[in-house]
Amino acid sequence: MSRSLPVRFIRVTEARLITPHLRRVTFGGDDLADFSAAGPDQQVKLYFPTPGQARPRLPEPGDDGDIMRWYEAYNAIPEPERPWMRSYTLRAHDPLRRTIDIDFVLHDDAGPATRWAAAAKPGNVLGMFGPSAAYARPVSFAVSFAEADWVLLAGDETALPAIGTLAEALPAGTRALAFIEVRDAAEEQHLGSAADLTVRWLHRGQAPAGRTDLLLQAVRQADLPPGRVFAWIAGEAGTVRALRRHLVNDRGVPKRSIDFSGYWRLRLTQDDAPTDDDMADAHEQLAHARELLAASAEPGGPA
């Protein structure tokens, strides 16, 4: 497929359970020959075939590289044939093998992505858009660490792939504290890091994800390290908003020192229209990105 836009078809080479409710799928294929992913927390959009399709139907990118034109062509595909689109984080990239890993949480209330991941086998094909600077939210370590004494990571199991890449990217000597909510001890993972990383696993039991305030209360009650913090939080949108308000209003953390993302919404999917809170979050994220760009562009600022 044309490289005027980062649109690819990727083929499953391996699929395996990492925990009882998380499946890691490895993808390869000719379209990954020129693939590169710089830095942690790199997000892509995956396109899942609808029933009867061997691979998702996607428009051919134009030579002009116009993203909006491509999305208009995608939305013009008749709904029964239009692939389902979901956002995921790249867990790993192996340039020598020309493969990427993506972790899928196997939710109890399975949607199209969960159903696909649970049954994925070698040879299955997905479409992929990205990573792309047009919509990516890469964590700016150069800017964020320039003002931070330590790092806070917080999220649920949907944030684990990103947290894993962030932990691996933290340099030696960095102090970091992670709060991660999962179902039970069987869902815990080893997180490799050169940093001085402490992980506090939070078990919600059989309660559905997003229906407890376990993560929020754990951070609220924590005796956090002194000094300036860079915080990265992700997961269910309502929980992320509450955590951010707590850090800003109760802990005095500057907004520009918090990178946040609502990965999913309680009772809603990515197919549903954005809420007023979603739009407010989007405006906050845009303002945050502009601040980082401005800081990095200042004379003597982080490169």
C-alpha atoms as a PDB file:
ATOM      1  CA  MET A   1       0.000   0.000   0.000  1.00  0.00           C
ATOM      2  CA  SER A   2       1.159   3.565  -0.676  1.00  0.00           C
ATOM      3  CA  ARG A   3       3.326   5.218   1.994  1.00  0.00           C
ATOM      4  CA  SER A   4       1.900   8.682   1.343  1.00  0.00           C
ATOM      5  CA  LEU A   5       0.011   8.007   4.587  1.00  0.00           C
ATOM      6  CA  PRO A   6       0.936   5.522   7.343  1.00  0.00           C
ATOM      7  CA  VAL A   7      -1.783   3.048   6.279  1.00  0.00           C
ATOM      8  CA  ARG A   8      -0.795  -0.612   6.325  1.00  0.00           C
ATOM      9  CA  PHE A   9      -2.123  -4.138   6.281  1.00  0.00           C
ATOM     10  CA  ILE A  10      -0.575  -6.266   9.031  1.00  0.00           C
ATOM     11  CA  ARG A  11      -0.720 -10.048   9.329  1.00  0.00           C
ATOM     12  CA  VAL A  12      -0.812 -12.125  12.527  1.00  0.00           C
ATOM     13  CA  THR A  13       2.281 -14.268  13.000  1.00  0.00           C
ATOM     14  CA  GLU A  14       1.668 -15.328  16.612  1.00  0.00           C
ATOM     15  CA  ALA A  15      -0.935 -14.906  19.369  1.00  0.00           C
ATOM     16  CA  ARG A  16      -0.508 -15.895  22.998  1.00  0.00           C
ATOM     17  CA  LEU A  17      -1.987 -15.218  26.415  1.00  0.00           C
ATOM     18  CA  ILE A  18       0.172 -13.052  28.677  1.00  0.00           C
ATOM     19  CA  THR A  19      -2.372 -13.216  31.516  1.00  0.00           C
ATOM     20  CA  PRO A  20      -5.824 -14.863  31.644  1.00  0.00           C
ATOM     21  CA  HIS A  21      -7.424 -11.690  30.259  1.00  0.00           C
ATOM     22  CA  LEU A  22      -4.697 -10.204  28.085  1.00  0.00           C
ATOM     23  CA  ARG A  23      -3.591 -11.602  24.721  1.00  0.00           C
ATOM     24  CA  ARG A  24      -0.460 -10.424  22.929  1.00  0.00           C
ATOM     25  CA  VAL A  25      -0.672 -10.558  19.154  1.00  0.00           C
ATOM     26  CA  THR A  26       2.467 -10.316  17.018  1.00  0.00           C
ATOM     27  CA  PHE A  27       2.068  -8.896  13.520  1.00  0.00           C
ATOM     28  CA  GLY A  28       4.347  -9.007  10.490  1.00  0.00           C
ATOM     29  CA  GLY A  29       4.021  -8.525   6.755  1.00  0.00           C
ATOM     30  CA  ASP A  30       5.591  -6.650   3.874  1.00  0.00           C
ATOM     31  CA  ASP A  31       3.916  -3.398   4.914  1.00  0.00           C
ATOM     32  CA  LEU A  32       6.081  -3.326   8.058  1.00  0.00           C
ATOM     33  CA  ALA A  33       9.341  -3.358   6.106  1.00  0.00           C
ATOM     34  CA  ASP A  34       9.698   0.432   6.396  1.00  0.00           C
ATOM     35  CA  PHE A  35       7.982   0.747   9.775  1.00  0.00           C
ATOM     36  CA  SER A  36       9.556   2.753  12.591  1.00  0.00           C
ATOM     37  CA  ALA A  37       8.305   3.712  16.038  1.00  0.00           C
ATOM     38  CA  ALA A  38      10.269   6.257  18.022  1.00  0.00           C
ATOM     39  CA  GLY A  39       9.700   6.497  21.736  1.00  0.00           C
ATOM     40  CA  PRO A  40       7.174   5.018  24.172  1.00  0.00           C
ATOM     41  CA  ASP A  41       3.373   5.375  24.259  1.00  0.00           C
ATOM     42  CA  GLN A  42       2.945   5.211  20.486  1.00  0.00           C
ATOM     43  CA  GLN A  43      -0.708   4.810  19.473  1.00  0.00           C
ATOM     44  CA  VAL A  44      -2.180   3.398  16.293  1.00  0.00           C
ATOM     45  CA  LYS A  45      -5.659   2.872  14.942  1.00  0.00           C
ATOM     46  CA  LEU A  46      -6.578  -0.698  14.033  1.00  0.00           C
ATOM     47  CA  TYR A  47      -9.234  -1.633  11.481  1.00  0.00           C
ATOM     48  CA  PHE A  48     -11.053  -4.922  12.000  1.00  0.00           C
ATOM     49  CA  PRO A  49     -12.750  -6.824   9.157  1.00  0.00           C
ATOM     50  CA  THR A  50     -16.512  -7.111   9.256  1.00  0.00           C
ATOM     51  CA  PRO A  51     -18.186 -10.531   8.919  1.00  0.00           C
ATOM     52  CA  GLY A  52     -17.402 -12.108   5.565  1.00  0.00           C
ATOM     53  CA  GLN A  53     -14.222 -10.110   4.967  1.00  0.00           C
ATOM     54  CA  ALA A  54     -10.853 -11.846   4.787  1.00  0.00           C
ATOM     55  CA  ARG A  55      -9.221  -8.479   5.427  1.00  0.00           C
ATOM     56  CA  PRO A  56     -10.702  -5.056   6.180  1.00  0.00           C
ATOM     57  CA  ARG A  57     -11.812  -2.900   3.281  1.00  0.00           C
ATOM     58  CA  LEU A  58      -9.830   0.338   3.332  1.00  0.00           C
ATOM     59  CA  PRO A  59      -9.471   3.140   0.779  1.00  0.00           C
ATOM     60  CA  GLU A  60      -6.165   3.523  -1.044  1.00  0.00           C
ATOM     61  CA  PRO A  61      -4.296   6.609   0.234  1.00  0.00           C
ATOM     62  CA  GLY A  62      -3.998   9.363  -2.317  1.00  0.00           C
ATOM     63  CA  ASP A  63      -0.613  10.622  -3.472  1.00  0.00           C
ATOM     64  CA  ASP A  64      -1.274  13.958  -1.773  1.00  0.00           C
ATOM     65  CA  GLY A  65      -1.064  12.456   1.724  1.00  0.00           C
ATOM     66  CA  ASP A  66      -4.334  14.164   2.723  1.00  0.00           C
ATOM     67  CA  ILE A  67      -5.495  12.481   5.964  1.00  0.00           C
ATOM     68  CA  MET A  68      -8.939  14.059   5.956  1.00  0.00           C
ATOM     69  CA  ARG A  69      -9.568  12.997   2.361  1.00  0.00           C
ATOM     70  CA  TRP A  70      -8.630   9.433   3.311  1.00  0.00           C
ATOM     71  CA  TYR A  71     -10.983   9.468   6.341  1.00  0.00           C
ATOM     72  CA  GLU A  72     -13.784  10.842   4.208  1.00  0.00           C
ATOM     73  CA  ALA A  73     -13.294   7.911   1.834  1.00  0.00           C
ATOM     74  CA  TYR A  74     -13.258   5.529   4.809  1.00  0.00           C
ATOM     75  CA  ASN A  75     -16.513   6.964   6.183  1.00  0.00           C
ATOM     76  CA  ALA A  76     -18.063   6.680   2.713  1.00  0.00           C
ATOM     77  CA  ILE A  77     -17.691   2.898   2.776  1.00  0.00           C
ATOM     78  CA  PRO A  78     -21.187   1.394   3.268  1.00  0.00           C
ATOM     79  CA  GLU A  79     -21.692   0.683   6.971  1.00  0.00           C
ATOM     80  CA  PRO A  80     -22.051  -3.135   6.589  1.00  0.00           C
ATOM     81  CA  GLU A  81     -18.618  -3.207   4.917  1.00  0.00           C
ATOM     82  CA  ARG A  82     -16.864  -0.455   6.869  1.00  0.00           C
ATOM     83  CA  PRO A  83     -14.228  -1.886   9.239  1.00  0.00           C
ATOM     84  CA  TRP A  84     -14.531  -1.303  12.963  1.00  0.00           C
ATOM     85  CA  MET A  85     -11.858   1.121  14.162  1.00  0.00           C
ATOM     86  CA  ARG A  86     -10.242   1.033  17.595  1.00  0.00           C
ATOM     87  CA  SER A  87      -7.163   2.720  19.124  1.00  0.00           C
ATOM     88  CA  TYR A  88      -4.309   0.669  20.598  1.00  0.00           C
ATOM     89  CA  THR A  89      -0.780   1.180  21.904  1.00  0.00           C
ATOM     90  CA  LEU A  90       2.244  -0.469  20.326  1.00  0.00           C
ATOM     91  CA  ARG A  91       3.729  -2.717  22.994  1.00  0.00           C
ATOM     92  CA  ALA A  92       6.914  -3.542  21.092  1.00  0.00           C
ATOM     93  CA  HIS A  93       8.611  -3.206  17.720  1.00  0.00           C
ATOM     94  CA  ASP A  94      11.306  -5.591  16.493  1.00  0.00           C
ATOM     95  CA  PRO A  95      12.954  -3.960  13.454  1.00  0.00           C
ATOM     96  CA  LEU A  96      15.117  -7.010  12.747  1.00  0.00           C
ATOM     97  CA  ARG A  97      12.145  -9.379  12.572  1.00  0.00           C
ATOM     98  CA  ARG A  98       9.950  -6.611  11.125  1.00  0.00           C
ATOM     99  CA  THR A  99       7.224  -7.315  13.654  1.00  0.00           C
ATOM    100  CA  ILE A 100       5.145  -5.378  16.153  1.00  0.00           C
ATOM    101  CA  ASP A 101       3.335  -6.543  19.305  1.00  0.00           C
ATOM    102  CA  ILE A 102      -0.073  -5.266  20.393  1.00  0.00           C
ATOM    103  CA  ASP A 103      -1.745  -6.338  23.646  1.00  0.00           C
ATOM    104  CA  PHE A 104      -5.516  -6.845  23.703  1.00  0.00           C
ATOM    105  CA  VAL A 105      -7.515  -6.873  26.932  1.00  0.00           C
ATOM    106  CA  LEU A 106     -10.143  -9.627  26.716  1.00  0.00           C
ATOM    107  CA  HIS A 107     -13.142  -7.816  28.186  1.00  0.00           C
ATOM    108  CA  ASP A 108     -16.098  -9.759  29.572  1.00  0.00           C
ATOM    109  CA  ASP A 109     -18.530  -7.597  27.591  1.00  0.00           C
ATOM    110  CA  ALA A 110     -16.775  -8.423  24.346  1.00  0.00           C
ATOM    111  CA  GLY A 111     -16.950  -5.969  21.471  1.00  0.00           C
ATOM    112  CA  PRO A 112     -15.653  -6.552  17.946  1.00  0.00           C
ATOM    113  CA  ALA A 113     -11.993  -5.989  18.889  1.00  0.00           C
ATOM    114  CA  THR A 114     -12.130  -8.382  21.850  1.00  0.00           C
ATOM    115  CA  ARG A 115     -13.925 -11.015  19.784  1.00  0.00           C
ATOM    116  CA  TRP A 116     -11.309 -10.713  17.065  1.00  0.00           C
ATOM    117  CA  ALA A 117      -8.376 -10.863  19.503  1.00  0.00           C
ATOM    118  CA  ALA A 118      -9.748 -13.888  21.350  1.00  0.00           C
ATOM    119  CA  ALA A 119      -9.886 -15.851  18.091  1.00  0.00           C
ATOM    120  CA  ALA A 120      -6.828 -14.361  16.340  1.00  0.00           C
ATOM    121  CA  LYS A 121      -4.555 -16.861  14.590  1.00  0.00           C
ATOM    122  CA  PRO A 122      -1.594 -16.685  12.194  1.00  0.00           C
ATOM    123  CA  GLY A 123      -2.627 -15.363   8.807  1.00  0.00           C
ATOM    124  CA  ASN A 124      -5.421 -13.079  10.033  1.00  0.00           C
ATOM    125  CA  VAL A 125      -5.138  -9.540   8.638  1.00  0.00           C
ATOM    126  CA  LEU A 126      -5.926  -6.123  10.125  1.00  0.00           C
ATOM    127  CA  GLY A 127      -5.545  -2.612   8.788  1.00  0.00           C
ATOM    128  CA  MET A 128      -3.415  -0.136  10.725  1.00  0.00           C
ATOM    129  CA  PHE A 129      -3.066   3.652  10.598  1.00  0.00           C
ATOM    130  CA  GLY A 130      -0.094   5.209  12.340  1.00  0.00           C
ATOM    131  CA  PRO A 131       1.829   6.045  14.309  1.00  0.00           C
ATOM    132  CA  SER A 132       1.226   9.508  12.914  1.00  0.00           C
ATOM    133  CA  ALA A 133       2.296  12.927  14.146  1.00  0.00           C
ATOM    134  CA  ALA A 134      -1.102  14.173  12.953  1.00  0.00           C
ATOM    135  CA  TYR A 135      -2.936  12.656  15.942  1.00  0.00           C
ATOM    136  CA  ALA A 136      -0.285  11.108  18.184  1.00  0.00           C
ATOM    137  CA  ARG A 137       0.255  12.267  21.765  1.00  0.00           C
ATOM    138  CA  PRO A 138       3.863  11.229  22.322  1.00  0.00           C
ATOM    139  CA  VAL A 139       5.118  11.797  25.835  1.00  0.00           C
ATOM    140  CA  SER A 140       7.742  14.543  25.721  1.00  0.00           C
ATOM    141  CA  PHE A 141      10.314  13.184  28.138  1.00  0.00           C
ATOM    142  CA  ALA A 142      12.731  15.993  27.291  1.00  0.00           C
ATOM    143  CA  VAL A 143      10.249  18.645  28.403  1.00  0.00           C
ATOM    144  CA  SER A 144       8.582  16.691  31.210  1.00  0.00           C
ATOM    145  CA  PHE A 145      11.725  15.388  32.903  1.00  0.00           C
ATOM    146  CA  ALA A 146      13.417  18.771  32.736  1.00  0.00           C
ATOM    147  CA  GLU A 147      11.159  19.903  35.565  1.00  0.00           C
ATOM    148  CA  ALA A 148      10.483  16.617  37.391  1.00  0.00           C
ATOM    149  CA  ASP A 149      12.110  14.916  40.348  1.00  0.00           C
ATOM    150  CA  TRP A 150      10.065  11.746  39.993  1.00  0.00           C
ATOM    151  CA  VAL A 151       7.431  10.086  37.796  1.00  0.00           C
ATOM    152  CA  LEU A 152       3.901   8.911  38.605  1.00  0.00           C
ATOM    153  CA  LEU A 153       2.193   6.343  36.359  1.00  0.00           C
ATOM    154  CA  ALA A 154      -1.452   5.395  36.953  1.00  0.00           C
ATOM    155  CA  GLY A 155      -3.985   3.397  34.980  1.00  0.00           C
ATOM    156  CA  ASP A 156      -6.052   0.260  34.575  1.00  0.00           C
ATOM    157  CA  GLU A 157      -5.245  -2.801  32.455  1.00  0.00           C
ATOM    158  CA  THR A 158      -5.993  -0.942  29.222  1.00  0.00           C
ATOM    159  CA  ALA A 159      -3.085   1.367  30.109  1.00  0.00           C
ATOM    160  CA  LEU A 160      -0.672  -1.500  30.835  1.00  0.00           C
ATOM    161  CA  PRO A 161       0.837  -1.653  27.315  1.00  0.00           C
ATOM    162  CA  ALA A 162       1.671   2.050  27.419  1.00  0.00           C
ATOM    163  CA  ILE A 163       2.893   1.840  31.025  1.00  0.00           C
ATOM    164  CA  GLY A 164       5.128  -1.057  29.968  1.00  0.00           C
ATOM    165  CA  THR A 165       6.760   1.030  27.228  1.00  0.00           C
ATOM    166  CA  LEU A 166       7.101   4.010  29.550  1.00  0.00           C
ATOM    167  CA  ALA A 167       8.733   1.885  32.251  1.00  0.00           C
ATOM    168  CA  GLU A 168      11.213   0.532  29.709  1.00  0.00           C
ATOM    169  CA  ALA A 169      12.029   4.062  28.521  1.00  0.00           C
ATOM    170  CA  LEU A 170      12.693   5.531  31.974  1.00  0.00           C
ATOM    171  CA  PRO A 171      16.423   6.168  32.400  1.00  0.00           C
ATOM    172  CA  ALA A 172      18.475   4.734  35.228  1.00  0.00           C
ATOM    173  CA  GLY A 173      18.366   6.872  38.337  1.00  0.00           C
ATOM    174  CA  THR A 174      14.785   7.991  37.770  1.00  0.00           C
ATOM    175  CA  ARG A 175      12.430   7.459  40.685  1.00  0.00           C
ATOM    176  CA  ALA A 176       9.017   6.226  39.556  1.00  0.00           C
ATOM    177  CA  LEU A 177       5.828   5.016  41.229  1.00  0.00           C
ATOM    178  CA  ALA A 178       3.080   3.156  39.356  1.00  0.00           C
ATOM    179  CA  PHE A 179      -0.495   2.433  40.473  1.00  0.00           C
ATOM    180  CA  ILE A 180      -2.126  -0.184  38.241  1.00  0.00           C
ATOM    181  CA  GLU A 181      -5.665  -1.520  38.662  1.00  0.00           C
ATOM    182  CA  VAL A 182      -6.339  -5.061  37.429  1.00  0.00           C
ATOM    183  CA  ARG A 183      -8.835  -7.803  38.192  1.00  0.00           C
ATOM    184  CA  ASP A 184      -6.602  -9.946  40.427  1.00  0.00           C
ATOM    185  CA  ALA A 185      -3.033 -11.152  40.981  1.00  0.00           C
ATOM    186  CA  ALA A 186      -3.178 -13.359  37.876  1.00  0.00           C
ATOM    187  CA  GLU A 187      -3.378 -10.205  35.735  1.00  0.00           C
ATOM    188  CA  GLU A 188      -0.146  -8.716  37.066  1.00  0.00           C
ATOM    189  CA  GLN A 189       2.839  -8.453  34.707  1.00  0.00           C
ATOM    190  CA  HIS A 190       6.547  -7.989  35.131  1.00  0.00           C
ATOM    191  CA  LEU A 191       7.527  -4.481  34.054  1.00  0.00           C
ATOM    192  CA  GLY A 192      11.155  -4.199  33.070  1.00  0.00           C
ATOM    193  CA  SER A 193      12.828  -0.869  33.804  1.00  0.00           C
ATOM    194  CA  ALA A 194      16.240   0.591  34.441  1.00  0.00           C
ATOM    195  CA  ALA A 195      14.582   3.136  36.731  1.00  0.00           C
ATOM    196  CA  ASP A 196      13.939   2.874  40.451  1.00  0.00           C
ATOM    197  CA  LEU A 197      10.351   1.757  39.791  1.00  0.00           C
ATOM    198  CA  THR A 198       7.856   0.737  42.481  1.00  0.00           C
ATOM    199  CA  VAL A 199       4.620  -0.860  41.245  1.00  0.00           C
ATOM    200  CA  ARG A 200       1.514  -1.027  43.414  1.00  0.00           C
ATOM    201  CA  TRP A 201      -0.985  -3.494  41.960  1.00  0.00           C
ATOM    202  CA  LEU A 202      -4.609  -2.835  42.851  1.00  0.00           C
ATOM    203  CA  HIS A 203      -7.052  -5.773  42.678  1.00  0.00           C
ATOM    204  CA  ARG A 204     -10.711  -4.905  42.120  1.00  0.00           C
ATOM    205  CA  GLY A 205     -11.896  -8.549  42.148  1.00  0.00           C
ATOM    206  CA  GLN A 206     -14.982  -9.414  40.139  1.00  0.00           C
ATOM    207  CA  ALA A 207     -16.278  -5.844  40.000  1.00  0.00           C
ATOM    208  CA  PRO A 208     -16.461  -4.625  36.379  1.00  0.00           C
ATOM    209  CA  ALA A 209     -13.701  -2.291  35.256  1.00  0.00           C
ATOM    210  CA  GLY A 210     -14.585   1.367  35.649  1.00  0.00           C
ATOM    211  CA  ARG A 211     -17.216   0.786  38.317  1.00  0.00           C
ATOM    212  CA  THR A 212     -15.014   1.232  41.376  1.00  0.00           C
ATOM    213  CA  ASP A 213     -12.929   4.157  42.611  1.00  0.00           C
ATOM    214  CA  LEU A 214     -10.077   1.848  43.639  1.00  0.00           C
ATOM    215  CA  LEU A 215      -7.415   3.598  41.550  1.00  0.00           C
ATOM    216  CA  LEU A 216      -8.530   7.087  42.573  1.00  0.00           C
ATOM    217  CA  GLN A 217      -8.622   6.233  46.271  1.00  0.00           C
ATOM    218  CA  ALA A 218      -5.204   4.531  46.131  1.00  0.00           C
ATOM    219  CA  VAL A 219      -3.583   7.660  44.705  1.00  0.00           C
ATOM    220  CA  ARG A 220      -5.533   9.935  47.064  1.00  0.00           C
ATOM    221  CA  GLN A 221      -4.396   7.999  50.120  1.00  0.00           C
ATOM    222  CA  ALA A 222      -0.813   7.488  48.992  1.00  0.00           C
ATOM    223  CA  ASP A 223       2.133   9.137  50.706  1.00  0.00           C
ATOM    224  CA  LEU A 224       3.701  10.367  47.467  1.00  0.00           C
ATOM    225  CA  PRO A 225       7.409  11.213  47.194  1.00  0.00           C
ATOM    226  CA  PRO A 226       8.450  14.832  47.691  1.00  0.00           C
ATOM    227  CA  GLY A 227       9.537  17.054  44.842  1.00  0.00           C
ATOM    228  CA  ARG A 228       8.192  17.934  41.424  1.00  0.00           C
ATOM    229  CA  VAL A 229       6.312  15.151  39.662  1.00  0.00           C
ATOM    230  CA  PHE A 230       5.596  14.300  36.057  1.00  0.00           C
ATOM    231  CA  ALA A 231       2.324  12.308  36.045  1.00  0.00           C
ATOM    232  CA  TRP A 232       1.046  10.038  33.275  1.00  0.00           C
ATOM    233  CA  ILE A 233      -2.514   8.732  33.738  1.00  0.00           C
ATOM    234  CA  ALA A 234      -4.776   6.742  31.420  1.00  0.00           C
ATOM    235  CA  GLY A 235      -7.711   4.346  31.480  1.00  0.00           C
ATOM    236  CA  GLU A 236     -11.454   4.861  31.915  1.00  0.00           C
ATOM    237  CA  ALA A 237     -12.210   8.493  31.053  1.00  0.00           C
ATOM    238  CA  GLY A 238     -14.158   9.354  34.223  1.00  0.00           C
ATOM    239  CA  THR A 239     -11.442   7.935  36.469  1.00  0.00           C
ATOM    240  CA  VAL A 240      -8.750   9.773  34.538  1.00  0.00           C
ATOM    241  CA  ARG A 241     -10.618  13.070  34.943  1.00  0.00           C
ATOM    242  CA  ALA A 242     -11.026  12.491  38.689  1.00  0.00           C
ATOM    243  CA  LEU A 243      -7.341  11.608  39.102  1.00  0.00           C
ATOM    244  CA  ARG A 244      -6.269  14.688  37.204  1.00  0.00           C
ATOM    245  CA  ARG A 245      -8.506  16.952  39.306  1.00  0.00           C
ATOM    246  CA  HIS A 246      -7.061  15.401  42.466  1.00  0.00           C
ATOM    247  CA  LEU A 247      -3.472  15.959  41.354  1.00  0.00           C
ATOM    248  CA  VAL A 248      -4.151  19.564  40.302  1.00  0.00           C
ATOM    249  CA  ASN A 249      -6.539  20.682  43.050  1.00  0.00           C
ATOM    250  CA  ASP A 250      -5.369  18.637  46.040  1.00  0.00           C
ATOM    251  CA  ARG A 251      -1.695  17.990  45.299  1.00  0.00           C
ATOM    252  CA  GLY A 252      -0.888  21.246  43.511  1.00  0.00           C
ATOM    253  CA  VAL A 253       0.568  19.553  40.436  1.00  0.00           C
ATOM    254  CA  PRO A 254       0.763  21.972  37.478  1.00  0.00           C
ATOM    255  CA  LYS A 255      -1.476  20.969  34.589  1.00  0.00           C
ATOM    256  CA  ARG A 256       1.444  21.002  32.182  1.00  0.00           C
ATOM    257  CA  SER A 257       3.117  18.305  34.308  1.00  0.00           C
ATOM    258  CA  ILE A 258       0.288  15.802  33.674  1.00  0.00           C
ATOM    259  CA  ASP A 259      -0.091  13.722  30.534  1.00  0.00           C
ATOM    260  CA  PHE A 260      -3.571  12.163  30.511  1.00  0.00           C
ATOM    261  CA  SER A 261      -5.832  10.145  28.221  1.00  0.00           C
ATOM    262  CA  GLY A 262      -9.255   8.556  28.572  1.00  0.00           C
ATOM    263  CA  TYR A 263      -8.799   5.298  26.674  1.00  0.00           C
ATOM    264  CA  TRP A 264     -12.377   4.164  27.076  1.00  0.00           C
ATOM    265  CA  ARG A 265     -15.725   5.362  28.412  1.00  0.00           C
ATOM    266  CA  LEU A 266     -18.103   3.565  30.739  1.00  0.00           C
ATOM    267  CA  ARG A 267     -21.162   2.330  28.805  1.00  0.00           C
ATOM    268  CA  LEU A 268     -19.862   3.929  25.574  1.00  0.00           C
ATOM    269  CA  THR A 269     -17.591   2.799  22.731  1.00  0.00           C
ATOM    270  CA  GLN A 270     -15.426   4.655  20.235  1.00  0.00           C
ATOM    271  CA  ASP A 271     -18.358   4.443  17.832  1.00  0.00           C
ATOM    272  CA  ASP A 272     -20.448   6.695  20.107  1.00  0.00           C
ATOM    273  CA  ALA A 273     -20.368  10.480  19.799  1.00  0.00           C
ATOM    274  CA  PRO A 274     -18.067  12.411  22.159  1.00  0.00           C
ATOM    275  CA  THR A 275     -19.617  13.814  25.317  1.00  0.00           C
ATOM    276  CA  ASP A 276     -19.146  17.351  26.631  1.00  0.00           C
ATOM    277  CA  ASP A 277     -16.504  15.986  29.027  1.00  0.00           C
ATOM    278  CA  ASP A 278     -14.716  14.285  26.121  1.00  0.00           C
ATOM    279  CA  MET A 279     -14.610  17.576  24.218  1.00  0.00           C
ATOM    280  CA  ALA A 280     -13.311  19.420  27.277  1.00  0.00           C
ATOM    281  CA  ASP A 281     -10.564  16.792  27.652  1.00  0.00           C
ATOM    282  CA  ALA A 282      -9.645  17.175  23.988  1.00  0.00           C
ATOM    283  CA  HIS A 283      -9.289  20.948  24.387  1.00  0.00           C
ATOM    284  CA  GLU A 284      -7.138  20.447  27.495  1.00  0.00           C
ATOM    285  CA  GLN A 285      -4.898  17.975  25.649  1.00  0.00           C
ATOM    286  CA  LEU A 286      -4.520  20.368  22.727  1.00  0.00           C
ATOM    287  CA  ALA A 287      -3.559  23.174  25.080  1.00  0.00           C
ATOM    288  CA  HIS A 288      -1.094  20.846  26.825  1.00  0.00           C
ATOM    289  CA  ALA A 289       0.501  19.892  23.497  1.00  0.00           C
ATOM    290  CA  ARG A 290       0.864  23.551  22.552  1.00  0.00           C
ATOM    291  CA  GLU A 291       2.560  24.282  25.882  1.00  0.00           C
ATOM    292  CA  LEU A 292       5.046  21.471  25.311  1.00  0.00           C
ATOM    293  CA  LEU A 293       5.786  22.662  21.792  1.00  0.00           C
ATOM    294  CA  ALA A 294       6.274  26.195  23.014  1.00  0.00           C
ATOM    295  CA  ALA A 295       8.563  25.050  25.820  1.00  0.00           C
ATOM    296  CA  SER A 296      10.665  22.915  23.469  1.00  0.00           C
ATOM    297  CA  ALA A 297      10.986  25.859  21.043  1.00  0.00           C
ATOM    298  CA  GLU A 298      12.224  28.321  23.659  1.00  0.00           C
ATOM    299  CA  PRO A 299      15.917  29.296  23.420  1.00  0.00           C
ATOM    300  CA  GLY A 300      17.801  26.958  25.696  1.00  0.00           C
ATOM    301  CA  GLY A 301      14.712  24.747  26.084  1.00  0.00           C
ATOM    302  CA  PRO A 302      14.793  20.954  25.877  1.00  0.00           C
ATOM    303  CA  ALA A 303      15.798  19.660  22.462  1.00  0.00           C
END
